[in-house]
């Protein structure tokens, strides 16, 4: 057996280790939802000409909405658009049977913004990146009522 580090792994090698973990997970937890149940989606904020002024990228799996990133251009900030995009992502997740939300936000980004939306600090990783912190936040999603 040889241990090898690669900065340009073959896709089939990456698939082998990914599928190996998926198989292990399903052997260990029989009712774990299948990897095919994963949903990736994005939400875009566009101006009248179709130019992207902001957006949210997310993935849903294992009963959890994971907000990977949220960005707004300077001209789009402070107008409630970020809140609207997060709420739309949460609504989409709930409509598709997901119950929790998870995200990371660094110390110079938007921890207080997410706290106002009901997210709770779960953990902080100090000095990531160096001199800063990364905050891991979570929220229990409830069905939206009209």
Protein backbone atom coordinates (compact mmCIF):
# COMPACT_ATOMS: atom_id res chain seq x y z
CA UNK A 1 0.00 0.00 0.00
CA UNK A 2 1.19 3.50 -0.86
CA UNK A 3 -0.07 6.84 0.39
CA UNK A 4 -0.18 9.53 -2.31
CA UNK A 5 -1.02 13.25 -2.14
CA UNK A 6 -2.38 14.71 -5.37
CA UNK A 7 -3.29 18.28 -6.29
CA UNK A 8 -4.87 17.04 -9.53
CA UNK A 9 -6.65 13.79 -8.70
CA UNK A 10 -8.39 11.77 -11.38
CA UNK A 11 -12.19 12.18 -11.28
CA UNK A 12 -12.63 8.40 -11.05
CA UNK A 13 -10.35 8.31 -7.99
CA UNK A 14 -12.35 11.08 -6.32
CA UNK A 15 -15.58 9.23 -7.16
CA UNK A 16 -14.16 6.02 -5.64
CA UNK A 17 -13.50 7.60 -2.25
CA UNK A 18 -16.78 9.54 -2.29
CA UNK A 19 -18.80 6.44 -3.12
CA UNK A 20 -16.84 4.46 -0.52
CA UNK A 21 -17.95 6.89 2.18
CA UNK A 22 -21.53 6.91 0.91
CA UNK A 23 -21.58 3.09 1.05
CA UNK A 24 -20.14 3.08 4.58
CA UNK A 25 -22.71 5.65 5.73
CA UNK A 26 -25.60 3.61 4.35
CA UNK A 27 -24.28 0.37 5.83
CA UNK A 28 -24.06 2.10 9.21
CA UNK A 29 -27.33 4.07 9.10
CA UNK A 30 -29.83 2.10 7.03
CA UNK A 31 -32.48 4.84 6.67
CA UNK A 32 -30.04 7.61 5.74
CA UNK A 33 -31.37 9.49 2.76
CA UNK A 34 -29.60 8.62 -0.50
CA UNK A 35 -26.99 10.93 -2.00
CA UNK A 36 -29.28 11.37 -5.00
CA UNK A 37 -31.68 13.25 -2.73
CA UNK A 38 -29.19 16.14 -2.56
CA UNK A 39 -30.55 19.39 -4.04
CA UNK A 40 -28.23 22.19 -5.17
CA UNK A 41 -29.75 25.56 -5.94
CA UNK A 42 -28.97 29.24 -6.33
CA UNK A 43 -30.98 32.42 -5.93
CA UNK A 44 -30.06 35.51 -7.94
CA UNK A 45 -30.80 39.20 -7.51
CA UNK A 46 -30.77 40.93 -10.92
CA UNK A 47 -31.25 44.49 -12.06
CA UNK A 48 -33.62 45.45 -14.88
CA UNK A 49 -30.98 44.56 -17.48
CA UNK A 50 -30.40 41.10 -16.03
CA UNK A 51 -27.06 41.94 -14.39
CA UNK A 52 -26.43 39.89 -11.24
CA UNK A 53 -26.33 42.18 -8.20
CA UNK A 54 -26.23 39.40 -5.64
CA UNK A 55 -27.05 35.84 -4.90
CA UNK A 56 -27.19 32.87 -2.60
CA UNK A 57 -25.79 29.40 -3.24
CA UNK A 58 -27.05 26.45 -1.21
CA UNK A 59 -27.27 22.70 -1.02
CA UNK A 60 -29.81 20.54 0.82
CA UNK A 61 -29.09 17.04 2.10
CA UNK A 62 -29.52 14.96 5.26
CA UNK A 63 -32.53 17.05 6.35
CA UNK A 64 -30.39 20.23 6.29
CA UNK A 65 -30.23 23.39 4.19
CA UNK A 66 -26.57 24.43 3.96
CA UNK A 67 -26.20 28.04 2.84
CA UNK A 68 -22.79 28.01 1.20
CA UNK A 69 -22.60 31.71 0.39
CA UNK A 70 -24.59 34.92 0.22
CA UNK A 71 -23.29 38.00 -1.56
CA UNK A 72 -24.79 41.40 -2.39
CA UNK A 73 -23.19 44.17 -4.43
CA UNK A 74 -22.73 47.47 -2.63
CA UNK A 75 -25.70 49.07 -4.40
CA UNK A 76 -28.00 46.19 -3.38
CA UNK A 77 -27.19 46.22 0.33
CA UNK A 78 -29.46 47.67 3.02
CA UNK A 79 -32.69 47.09 1.09
CA UNK A 80 -33.81 43.78 2.61
CA UNK A 81 -32.70 41.75 -0.41
CA UNK A 82 -30.35 39.54 1.62
CA UNK A 83 -33.11 38.78 4.11
CA UNK A 84 -35.50 37.99 1.26
CA UNK A 85 -33.01 35.60 -0.36
CA UNK A 86 -32.34 33.74 2.91
CA UNK A 87 -36.07 33.48 3.59
CA UNK A 88 -36.70 32.17 0.06
CA UNK A 89 -33.96 29.54 0.52
CA UNK A 90 -35.47 28.50 3.86
CA UNK A 91 -38.96 28.31 2.35
CA UNK A 92 -37.68 26.18 -0.53
CA UNK A 93 -35.92 23.87 1.93
CA UNK A 94 -39.04 23.46 4.09
CA UNK A 95 -41.21 22.78 1.02
CA UNK A 96 -38.78 20.00 0.11
CA UNK A 97 -38.86 18.42 3.58
CA UNK A 98 -35.68 19.86 5.13
CA UNK A 99 -35.77 20.78 8.83
CA UNK A 100 -32.49 22.50 9.73
CA UNK A 101 -30.25 25.21 8.31
CA UNK A 102 -26.49 25.49 8.65
CA UNK A 103 -24.03 28.16 7.52
CA UNK A 104 -20.59 29.60 8.16
CA UNK A 105 -19.83 33.30 8.42
CA UNK A 106 -16.43 34.81 9.10
CA UNK A 107 -15.84 37.54 11.65
CA UNK A 108 -15.83 40.34 9.06
CA UNK A 109 -18.96 39.12 7.31
CA UNK A 110 -22.52 38.78 8.57
CA UNK A 111 -22.89 37.03 11.94
CA UNK A 112 -25.26 39.71 13.32
CA UNK A 113 -27.32 39.63 10.10
CA UNK A 114 -27.91 35.90 10.49
CA UNK A 115 -28.64 36.23 14.22
CA UNK A 116 -31.42 38.72 13.35
CA UNK A 117 -32.86 36.01 11.09
CA UNK A 118 -32.97 33.52 13.98
CA UNK A 119 -29.67 31.71 13.47
CA UNK A 120 -27.83 30.60 16.59
CA UNK A 121 -24.09 30.39 17.06
CA UNK A 122 -23.10 26.76 17.32
CA UNK A 123 -19.29 27.11 17.37
CA UNK A 124 -16.50 29.53 16.55
CA UNK A 125 -13.21 28.47 15.05
CA UNK A 126 -10.65 31.11 16.08
CA UNK A 127 -7.76 32.18 13.85
CA UNK A 128 -9.53 30.95 10.69
CA UNK A 129 -8.42 32.66 8.60
CA UNK A 130 -5.38 33.89 10.51
CA UNK A 131 -6.31 36.79 12.76
CA UNK A 132 -10.06 36.26 12.21
CA UNK A 133 -12.72 33.73 13.20
CA UNK A 134 -15.23 31.51 11.44
CA UNK A 135 -18.69 31.22 13.02
CA UNK A 136 -20.83 28.12 12.49
CA UNK A 137 -24.52 28.91 12.83
CA UNK A 138 -27.69 26.85 12.74
CA UNK A 139 -31.44 27.32 12.74
CA UNK A 140 -34.45 25.03 13.14
CA UNK A 141 -36.64 25.60 10.08
CA UNK A 142 -40.36 25.83 10.60
CA UNK A 143 -42.98 25.63 7.89
CA UNK A 144 -43.83 29.12 6.68
CA UNK A 145 -47.40 30.16 7.32
CA UNK A 146 -49.26 32.46 4.98
